C-alpha atoms as a PDB file:
ATOM      1  CA  MET A   1      37.397  56.418-125.943  1.00  0.00           C
ATOM      2  CA  ALA A   2      39.716  55.920-122.953  1.00  0.00           C
ATOM      3  CA  LYS A   3      42.725  58.157-122.658  1.00  0.00           C
ATOM      4  CA  ALA A   4      46.080  56.368-122.665  1.00  0.00           C
ATOM      5  CA  LYS A   5      48.001  56.719-119.455  1.00  0.00           C
ATOM      6  CA  SER A   6      51.507  58.066-119.603  1.00  0.00           C
ATOM      7  CA  PRO A   7      54.195  56.164-117.712  1.00  0.00           C
ATOM      8  CA  ARG A   8      54.865  57.445-114.213  1.00  0.00           C
ATOM      9  CA  SER A   9      58.182  58.972-113.480  1.00  0.00           C
ATOM     10  CA  ASN A  10      60.068  56.883-110.962  1.00  0.00           C
ATOM     11  CA  ASN A  11      61.167  59.332-108.272  1.00  0.00           C
ATOM     12  CA  LEU A  12      61.652  56.549-105.703  1.00  0.00           C
ATOM     13  CA  PRO A  13      65.136  55.923-104.348  1.00  0.00           C
ATOM     14  CA  ASN A  14      67.003  52.993-105.851  1.00  0.00           C
ATOM     15  CA  LYS A  15      66.149  49.789-104.055  1.00  0.00           C
ATOM     16  CA  GLN A  16      68.539  46.914-103.682  1.00  0.00           C
ATOM     17  CA  VAL A  17      67.516  43.783-105.525  1.00  0.00           C
ATOM     18  CA  ILE A  18      68.172  40.516-103.738  1.00  0.00           C
ATOM     19  CA  THR A  19      68.741  37.509-105.937  1.00  0.00           C
ATOM     20  CA  MET A  20      68.318  33.876-105.035  1.00  0.00           C
ATOM     21  CA  PRO A  21      71.566  31.940-104.577  1.00  0.00           C
ATOM     22  CA  GLU A  22      72.434  29.328-107.146  1.00  0.00           C
ATOM     23  CA  ALA A  23      71.449  25.775-106.416  1.00  0.00           C
ATOM     24  CA  GLY A  24      74.156  23.971-104.516  1.00  0.00           C
ATOM     25  CA  SER A  25      75.883  27.113-103.286  1.00  0.00           C
ATOM     26  CA  ILE A  26      74.330  26.816 -99.810  1.00  0.00           C
ATOM     27  CA  PRO A  27      74.999  23.603 -97.908  1.00  0.00           C
ATOM     28  CA  GLN A  28      71.882  21.729 -96.874  1.00  0.00           C
ATOM     29  CA  ILE A  29      71.640  20.581 -93.273  1.00  0.00           C
ATOM     30  CA  ARG A  30      69.649  17.398 -92.958  1.00  0.00           C
ATOM     31  CA  LYS A  31      68.985  15.143 -90.066  1.00  0.00           C
ATOM     32  CA  ALA A  32      69.982  11.572 -90.557  1.00  0.00           C
ATOM     33  CA  ALA A  33      66.875   9.452 -90.305  1.00  0.00           C
ATOM     34  CA  SER A  34      67.256   6.733 -87.749  1.00  0.00           C
ATOM     35  CA  PRO A  35      66.519   3.248 -89.049  1.00  0.00           C
ATOM     36  CA  ILE A  36      63.924   2.769 -86.301  1.00  0.00           C
ATOM     37  CA  SER A  37      61.715   5.782 -86.981  1.00  0.00           C
ATOM     38  CA  PRO A  38      60.450   6.138 -90.560  1.00  0.00           C
ATOM     39  CA  THR A  39      60.430   9.521 -92.223  1.00  0.00           C
ATOM     40  CA  PRO A  40      57.087  11.313 -92.646  1.00  0.00           C
ATOM     41  CA  ILE A  41      57.178  10.464 -96.345  1.00  0.00           C
ATOM     42  CA  ASP A  42      57.510   6.759 -95.552  1.00  0.00           C
ATOM     43  CA  LEU A  43      54.630   6.982 -93.091  1.00  0.00           C
ATOM     44  CA  GLU A  44      52.417   8.653 -95.655  1.00  0.00           C
ATOM     45  CA  ALA A  45      53.219   5.978 -98.223  1.00  0.00           C
ATOM     46  CA  GLN A  46      52.447   3.251 -95.688  1.00  0.00           C
ATOM     47  CA  ILE A  47      49.162   4.918 -94.744  1.00  0.00           C
ATOM     48  CA  ARG A  48      48.202   5.376 -98.396  1.00  0.00           C
ATOM     49  CA  THR A  49      48.932   1.730 -99.147  1.00  0.00           C
ATOM     50  CA  ARG A  50      46.945   0.504 -96.139  1.00  0.00           C
ATOM     51  CA  ALA A  51      44.009   2.821 -96.965  1.00  0.00           C
ATOM     52  CA  TYR A  52      43.922   1.376-100.476  1.00  0.00           C
ATOM     53  CA  GLU A  53      43.969  -2.145 -99.054  1.00  0.00           C
ATOM     54  CA  LEU A  54      40.998  -1.255 -96.839  1.00  0.00           C
ATOM     55  CA  TYR A  55      39.193   0.180 -99.870  1.00  0.00           C
ATOM     56  CA  GLN A  56      39.766  -3.063-101.751  1.00  0.00           C
ATOM     57  CA  GLU A  57      38.625  -5.137 -98.766  1.00  0.00           C
ATOM     58  CA  ARG A  58      35.328  -3.231 -98.852  1.00  0.00           C
ATOM     59  CA  GLY A  59      34.831  -4.219-102.494  1.00  0.00           C
ATOM     60  CA  CYS A  60      36.083  -0.915-103.952  1.00  0.00           C
ATOM     61  CA  ALA A  61      32.880   0.864-102.949  1.00  0.00           C
ATOM     62  CA  PRO A  62      33.332   4.653-103.033  1.00  0.00           C
ATOM     63  CA  GLY A  63      32.263   7.056-100.316  1.00  0.00           C
ATOM     64  CA  GLN A  64      34.317   5.988 -97.303  1.00  0.00           C
ATOM     65  CA  GLU A  65      37.723   7.394 -98.248  1.00  0.00           C
ATOM     66  CA  ASN A  66      38.095   9.410 -95.052  1.00  0.00           C
ATOM     67  CA  GLU A  67      37.232   6.466 -92.845  1.00  0.00           C
ATOM     68  CA  ASP A  68      39.715   4.263 -94.725  1.00  0.00           C
ATOM     69  CA  TRP A  69      42.444   6.884 -94.366  1.00  0.00           C
ATOM     70  CA  LEU A  70      41.846   7.427 -90.646  1.00  0.00           C
ATOM     71  CA  ARG A  71      41.770   3.695 -89.913  1.00  0.00           C
ATOM     72  CA  ALA A  72      44.933   3.157 -91.963  1.00  0.00           C
ATOM     73  CA  GLU A  73      46.647   6.055 -90.197  1.00  0.00           C
ATOM     74  CA  HIS A  74      45.713   4.606 -86.808  1.00  0.00           C
ATOM     75  CA  GLU A  75      46.979   1.132 -87.745  1.00  0.00           C
ATOM     76  CA  VAL A  76      50.260   2.320 -89.267  1.00  0.00           C
ATOM     77  CA  LEU A  77      51.090   4.684 -86.401  1.00  0.00           C
ATOM     78  CA  ALA A  78      50.255   2.022 -83.810  1.00  0.00           C
ATOM     79  CA  ARG A  79      52.452  -0.506 -85.622  1.00  0.00           C
ATOM     80  CA  ASN A  80      55.352   1.965 -85.826  1.00  0.00           C
ATOM     81  CA  ASN A  81      55.011   2.868 -82.133  1.00  0.00           C
ATOM     82  CA  GLN A  82      55.187  -0.823 -81.191  1.00  0.00           C
ATOM     83  CA  GLN A  83      58.302  -1.268 -83.329  1.00  0.00           C
ATOM     84  CA  GLN A  84      60.015   1.690 -81.651  1.00  0.00           C
ATOM     85  CA  ARG A  85      59.314   0.312 -78.181  1.00  0.00           C
ATOM     86  CA  ALA A  86      60.672  -3.136 -79.009  1.00  0.00           C
END
């Protein structure tokens, strides 16, 4: 039978405990998104939507998800670059 371990005595010096600040107590600094350049979240949503459209155009056949995503990414980024130049 295993012998029960006794608790160790804590001879370490007292350490300071740092607590997380309450939500809202620290002001958040955010960049204002310009109306011309979409945020990364918007780009991802656009890419996801276009990749799904490509999947549907192929007859919903599985196995080419990566190709659909990369093509959609290329198309969306190219379209956004053209819009920024105009």
